[in-house]
């Protein structure tokens, strides 16, 4: 039975650095998050998003 592996390089996970195998892989993963290498997909706003909000008089002429 194969144990959990590092999500960065695929080597066996180190329990102390869970889920990574080394400090290097943990730092690489953190850098990817901080440099926006990873992204969580978002829904596109509806095409009519430019319509004023009901009751918001400041957007009307």
PDB file of N, CA and C in Angstrom:
ATOM      1  N   UNK A   1       0.844  -1.178   0.000  1.00  0.00           N
ATOM      2  CA  UNK A   1       0.000   0.000   0.000  1.00  0.00           C
ATOM      3  C   UNK A   1       0.888   1.239   0.000  1.00  0.00           C
ATOM      4  N   UNK A   2       0.576   2.151  -0.891  1.00  0.00           N
ATOM      5  CA  UNK A   2       1.367   3.359  -1.050  1.00  0.00           C
ATOM      6  C   UNK A   2       0.808   4.465  -0.162  1.00  0.00           C
ATOM      7  N   UNK A   3       1.685   5.169   0.549  1.00  0.00           N
ATOM      8  CA  UNK A   3       1.262   6.256   1.425  1.00  0.00           C
ATOM      9  C   UNK A   3       1.055   7.553   0.653  1.00  0.00           C
ATOM     10  N   UNK A   4       0.644   8.598   1.366  1.00  0.00           N
ATOM     11  CA  UNK A   4       0.424   9.893   0.720  1.00  0.00           C
ATOM     12  C   UNK A   4       1.726  10.454   0.143  1.00  0.00           C
ATOM     13  N   UNK A   5       1.598  11.191  -0.931  1.00  0.00           N
ATOM     14  CA  UNK A   5       2.766  11.764  -1.590  1.00  0.00           C
ATOM     15  C   UNK A   5       2.698  13.285  -1.596  1.00  0.00           C
ATOM     16  N   UNK A   6       3.841  13.891  -1.790  1.00  0.00           N
ATOM     17  CA  UNK A   6       3.982  15.346  -1.850  1.00  0.00           C
ATOM     18  C   UNK A   6       3.231  15.871  -3.078  1.00  0.00           C
ATOM     19  N   UNK A   7       2.392  16.906  -2.922  1.00  0.00           N
ATOM     20  CA  UNK A   7       1.654  17.439  -4.063  1.00  0.00           C
ATOM     21  C   UNK A   7       2.541  18.194  -5.055  1.00  0.00           C
ATOM     22  N   UNK A   8       3.760  18.532  -4.657  1.00  0.00           N
ATOM     23  CA  UNK A   8       4.656  19.279  -5.543  1.00  0.00           C
ATOM     24  C   UNK A   8       5.495  18.343  -6.402  1.00  0.00           C
ATOM     25  N   UNK A   9       6.134  17.346  -5.762  1.00  0.00           N
ATOM     26  CA  UNK A   9       7.073  16.505  -6.517  1.00  0.00           C
ATOM     27  C   UNK A   9       6.692  15.031  -6.585  1.00  0.00           C
ATOM     28  N   UNK A  10       5.746  14.601  -5.748  1.00  0.00           N
ATOM     29  CA  UNK A  10       5.298  13.216  -5.789  1.00  0.00           C
ATOM     30  C   UNK A  10       6.083  12.250  -4.916  1.00  0.00           C
ATOM     31  N   UNK A  11       7.102  12.737  -4.196  1.00  0.00           N
ATOM     32  CA  UNK A  11       7.854  11.870  -3.285  1.00  0.00           C
ATOM     33  C   UNK A  11       7.008  11.573  -2.051  1.00  0.00           C
ATOM     34  N   UNK A  12       7.384  10.552  -1.273  1.00  0.00           N
ATOM     35  CA  UNK A  12       6.625  10.248  -0.051  1.00  0.00           C
ATOM     36  C   UNK A  12       6.589  11.449   0.901  1.00  0.00           C
ATOM     37  N   UNK A  13       5.447  11.646   1.523  1.00  0.00           N
ATOM     38  CA  UNK A  13       5.224  12.767   2.423  1.00  0.00           C
ATOM     39  C   UNK A  13       6.013  12.598   3.718  1.00  0.00           C
ATOM     40  N   UNK A  14       6.510  13.714   4.269  1.00  0.00           N
ATOM     41  CA  UNK A  14       7.153  13.735   5.588  1.00  0.00           C
ATOM     42  C   UNK A  14       6.091  14.178   6.589  1.00  0.00           C
ATOM     43  N   UNK A  15       5.848  13.377   7.606  1.00  0.00           N
ATOM     44  CA  UNK A  15       4.792  13.661   8.583  1.00  0.00           C
ATOM     45  C   UNK A  15       4.982  15.039   9.222  1.00  0.00           C
ATOM     46  N   UNK A  16       6.221  15.434   9.474  1.00  0.00           N
ATOM     47  CA  UNK A  16       6.499  16.732  10.101  1.00  0.00           C
ATOM     48  C   UNK A  16       6.149  17.908   9.191  1.00  0.00           C
ATOM     49  N   UNK A  17       6.156  17.687   7.879  1.00  0.00           N
ATOM     50  CA  UNK A  17       5.914  18.759   6.910  1.00  0.00           C
ATOM     51  C   UNK A  17       4.630  18.534   6.119  1.00  0.00           C
ATOM     52  N   UNK A  18       3.747  17.739   6.650  1.00  0.00           N
ATOM     53  CA  UNK A  18       2.508  17.341   5.988  1.00  0.00           C
ATOM     54  C   UNK A  18       1.869  18.509   5.258  1.00  0.00           C
ATOM     55  N   UNK A  19       1.502  18.419   4.019  1.00  0.00           N
ATOM     56  CA  UNK A  19       1.511  17.267   3.116  1.00  0.00           C
ATOM     57  C   UNK A  19       2.750  17.191   2.228  1.00  0.00           C
ATOM     58  N   UNK A  20       3.798  17.940   2.563  1.00  0.00           N
ATOM     59  CA  UNK A  20       4.981  18.002   1.702  1.00  0.00           C
ATOM     60  C   UNK A  20       6.058  17.023   2.142  1.00  0.00           C
ATOM     61  N   UNK A  21       7.063  16.825   1.266  1.00  0.00           N
ATOM     62  CA  UNK A  21       8.163  15.914   1.583  1.00  0.00           C
ATOM     63  C   UNK A  21       9.359  16.663   2.142  1.00  0.00           C
ATOM     64  N   UNK A  22       9.443  17.958   1.883  1.00  0.00           N
ATOM     65  CA  UNK A  22      10.596  18.741   2.324  1.00  0.00           C
ATOM     66  C   UNK A  22      10.200  20.202   2.495  1.00  0.00           C
ATOM     67  N   UNK A  23      11.055  20.936   3.183  1.00  0.00           N
ATOM     68  CA  UNK A  23      10.818  22.380   3.358  1.00  0.00           C
ATOM     69  C   UNK A  23      10.849  23.076   1.992  1.00  0.00           C
ATOM     70  N   UNK A  24      11.692  22.586   1.093  1.00  0.00           N
ATOM     71  CA  UNK A  24      11.797  23.171  -0.247  1.00  0.00           C
ATOM     72  C   UNK A  24      10.456  23.092  -0.982  1.00  0.00           C
ATOM     73  N   UNK A  25       9.820  21.929  -0.953  1.00  0.00           N
ATOM     74  CA  UNK A  25       8.525  21.778  -1.625  1.00  0.00           C
ATOM     75  C   UNK A  25       7.458  22.650  -0.965  1.00  0.00           C
ATOM     76  N   UNK A  26       7.497  22.763   0.361  1.00  0.00           N
ATOM     77  CA  UNK A  26       6.548  23.628   1.060  1.00  0.00           C
ATOM     78  C   UNK A  26       6.743  25.076   0.625  1.00  0.00           C
ATOM     79  N   UNK A  27       8.004  25.512   0.521  1.00  0.00           N
ATOM     80  CA  UNK A  27       8.292  26.886   0.095  1.00  0.00           C
ATOM     81  C   UNK A  27       7.899  27.113  -1.361  1.00  0.00           C
ATOM     82  N   UNK A  28       8.120  26.122  -2.217  1.00  0.00           N
ATOM     83  CA  UNK A  28       7.707  26.246  -3.620  1.00  0.00           C
ATOM     84  C   UNK A  28       6.196  26.418  -3.728  1.00  0.00           C
ATOM     85  N   UNK A  29       5.458  25.639  -2.955  1.00  0.00           N
ATOM     86  CA  UNK A  29       4.001  25.730  -2.972  1.00  0.00           C
ATOM     87  C   UNK A  29       3.540  27.101  -2.473  1.00  0.00           C
ATOM     88  N   UNK A  30       4.132  27.590  -1.384  1.00  0.00           N
ATOM     89  CA  UNK A  30       3.786  28.909  -0.858  1.00  0.00           C
ATOM     90  C   UNK A  30       4.072  29.991  -1.891  1.00  0.00           C
ATOM     91  N   UNK A  31       5.209  29.895  -2.556  1.00  0.00           N
ATOM     92  CA  UNK A  31       5.555  30.876  -3.585  1.00  0.00           C
ATOM     93  C   UNK A  31       4.539  30.868  -4.729  1.00  0.00           C
ATOM     94  N   UNK A  32       4.066  29.696  -5.108  1.00  0.00           N
ATOM     95  CA  UNK A  32       3.057  29.624  -6.176  1.00  0.00           C
ATOM     96  C   UNK A  32       1.770  30.329  -5.766  1.00  0.00           C
ATOM     97  N   UNK A  33       1.363  30.178  -4.497  1.00  0.00           N
ATOM     98  CA  UNK A  33       0.165  30.875  -4.020  1.00  0.00           C
ATOM     99  C   UNK A  33       0.400  32.380  -3.995  1.00  0.00           C
ATOM    100  N   UNK A  34       1.548  32.809  -3.470  1.00  0.00           N
ATOM    101  CA  UNK A  34       1.821  34.241  -3.327  1.00  0.00           C
ATOM    102  C   UNK A  34       2.024  34.941  -4.663  1.00  0.00           C
ATOM    103  N   UNK A  35       2.522  34.226  -5.660  1.00  0.00           N
ATOM    104  CA  UNK A  35       2.726  34.824  -6.984  1.00  0.00           C
ATOM    105  C   UNK A  35       1.538  34.576  -7.907  1.00  0.00           C
ATOM    106  N   UNK A  36       0.441  34.117  -7.324  1.00  0.00           N
ATOM    107  CA  UNK A  36      -0.805  33.847  -8.042  1.00  0.00           C
ATOM    108  C   UNK A  36      -0.643  32.781  -9.116  1.00  0.00           C
ATOM    109  N   UNK A  37       0.263  31.830  -8.873  1.00  0.00           N
ATOM    110  CA  UNK A  37       0.420  30.693  -9.768  1.00  0.00           C
ATOM    111  C   UNK A  37      -0.761  29.740  -9.669  1.00  0.00           C
ATOM    112  N   UNK A  38      -1.392  29.733  -8.508  1.00  0.00           N
ATOM    113  CA  UNK A  38      -2.617  28.971  -8.309  1.00  0.00           C
ATOM    114  C   UNK A  38      -3.763  29.974  -8.293  1.00  0.00           C
ATOM    115  N   UNK A  39      -4.903  29.567  -8.787  1.00  0.00           N
ATOM    116  CA  UNK A  39      -6.072  30.441  -8.751  1.00  0.00           C
ATOM    117  C   UNK A  39      -7.316  29.599  -8.533  1.00  0.00           C
ATOM    118  N   UNK A  40      -8.238  30.148  -7.806  1.00  0.00           N
ATOM    119  CA  UNK A  40      -9.524  29.501  -7.599  1.00  0.00           C
ATOM    120  C   UNK A  40     -10.466  30.071  -8.647  1.00  0.00           C
ATOM    121  N   UNK A  41     -11.037  29.223  -9.519  1.00  0.00           N
ATOM    122  CA  UNK A  41     -11.907  29.737 -10.574  1.00  0.00           C
ATOM    123  C   UNK A  41     -13.127  30.447  -9.994  1.00  0.00           C
ATOM    124  N   UNK A  42     -13.500  31.527 -10.639  1.00  0.00           N
ATOM    125  CA  UNK A  42     -14.673  32.292 -10.209  1.00  0.00           C
ATOM    126  C   UNK A  42     -15.674  32.347 -11.351  1.00  0.00           C
ATOM    127  N   UNK A  43     -16.932  32.497 -10.986  1.00  0.00           N
ATOM    128  CA  UNK A  43     -17.958  32.634 -12.011  1.00  0.00           C
ATOM    129  C   UNK A  43     -17.863  34.016 -12.633  1.00  0.00           C
ATOM    130  N   UNK A  44     -18.100  34.071 -13.937  1.00  0.00           N
ATOM    131  CA  UNK A  44     -18.134  35.353 -14.624  1.00  0.00           C
ATOM    132  C   UNK A  44     -19.402  36.089 -14.215  1.00  0.00           C
ATOM    133  N   UNK A  45     -19.312  37.407 -13.985  1.00  0.00           N
ATOM    134  CA  UNK A  45     -20.528  38.148 -13.643  1.00  0.00           C
ATOM    135  C   UNK A  45     -21.487  38.164 -14.834  1.00  0.00           C
ATOM    136  N   UNK A  46     -22.782  38.273 -14.580  1.00  0.00           N
ATOM    137  CA  UNK A  46     -23.740  38.337 -15.685  1.00  0.00           C
ATOM    138  C   UNK A  46     -23.457  39.535 -16.588  1.00  0.00           C
ATOM    139  N   UNK A  47     -23.834  39.418 -17.851  1.00  0.00           N
ATOM    140  CA  UNK A  47     -23.579  40.478 -18.826  1.00  0.00           C
ATOM    141  C   UNK A  47     -24.281  41.777 -18.453  1.00  0.00           C
ATOM    142  N   UNK A  48     -25.400  41.705 -17.745  1.00  0.00           N
ATOM    143  CA  UNK A  48     -26.139  42.911 -17.386  1.00  0.00           C
ATOM    144  C   UNK A  48     -25.662  43.493 -16.059  1.00  0.00           C
ATOM    145  N   UNK A  49     -24.451  43.188 -15.646  1.00  0.00           N
ATOM    146  CA  UNK A  49     -23.906  43.657 -14.370  1.00  0.00           C
ATOM    147  C   UNK A  49     -23.745  45.177 -14.337  1.00  0.00           C
ATOM    148  N   UNK A  50     -23.747  45.828 -15.496  1.00  0.00           N
ATOM    149  CA  UNK A  50     -23.582  47.280 -15.555  1.00  0.00           C
ATOM    150  C   UNK A  50     -24.869  48.015 -15.178  1.00  0.00           C
ATOM    151  N   UNK A  51     -25.984  47.298 -15.077  1.00  0.00           N
ATOM    152  CA  UNK A  51     -27.242  47.943 -14.698  1.00  0.00           C
ATOM    153  C   UNK A  51     -27.124  48.491 -13.282  1.00  0.00           C
ATOM    154  N   UNK A  52     -27.711  49.672 -13.023  1.00  0.00           N
ATOM    155  CA  UNK A  52     -27.650  50.228 -11.670  1.00  0.00           C
ATOM    156  C   UNK A  52     -28.385  49.343 -10.663  1.00  0.00           C
ATOM    157  N   UNK A  53     -27.965  49.408  -9.447  1.00  0.00           N
ATOM    158  CA  UNK A  53     -28.587  48.659  -8.364  1.00  0.00           C
ATOM    159  C   UNK A  53     -29.921  49.312  -8.041  1.00  0.00           C
ATOM    160  N   UNK A  54     -31.003  48.523  -7.947  1.00  0.00           N
ATOM    161  CA  UNK A  54     -32.299  49.123  -7.620  1.00  0.00           C
ATOM    162  C   UNK A  54     -32.217  49.904  -6.310  1.00  0.00           C
ATOM    163  N   UNK A  55     -32.743  51.126  -6.342  1.00  0.00           N
ATOM    164  CA  UNK A  55     -32.747  51.961  -5.150  1.00  0.00           C
ATOM    165  C   UNK A  55     -31.498  52.804  -4.995  1.00  0.00           C
ATOM    166  N   UNK A  56     -30.505  52.658  -5.875  1.00  0.00           N
ATOM    167  CA  UNK A  56     -29.284  53.456  -5.786  1.00  0.00           C
ATOM    168  C   UNK A  56     -29.433  54.669  -6.690  1.00  0.00           C
ATOM    169  N   UNK A  57     -29.916  55.737  -6.132  1.00  0.00           N
ATOM    170  CA  UNK A  57     -30.210  56.960  -6.888  1.00  0.00           C
ATOM    171  C   UNK A  57     -28.941  57.668  -7.361  1.00  0.00           C
ATOM    172  N   UNK A  58     -27.803  57.418  -6.762  1.00  0.00           N
ATOM    173  CA  UNK A  58     -26.573  58.128  -7.123  1.00  0.00           C
ATOM    174  C   UNK A  58     -26.085  57.769  -8.522  1.00  0.00           C
ATOM    175  N   UNK A  59     -26.547  56.663  -9.086  1.00  0.00           N
ATOM    176  CA  UNK A  59     -26.112  56.251 -10.413  1.00  0.00           C
ATOM    177  C   UNK A  59     -27.028  56.750 -11.519  1.00  0.00           C
ATOM    178  N   UNK A  60     -28.098  57.408 -11.162  1.00  0.00           N
ATOM    179  CA  UNK A  60     -29.046  57.892 -12.171  1.00  0.00           C
ATOM    180  C   UNK A  60     -28.763  59.346 -12.505  1.00  0.00           C
ATOM    181  N   UNK A  61     -29.148  59.735 -13.742  1.00  0.00           N
ATOM    182  CA  UNK A  61     -28.964  61.133 -14.188  1.00  0.00           C
ATOM    183  C   UNK A  61     -29.981  62.051 -13.583  1.00  0.00           C
TER     184      UNK A  61
END
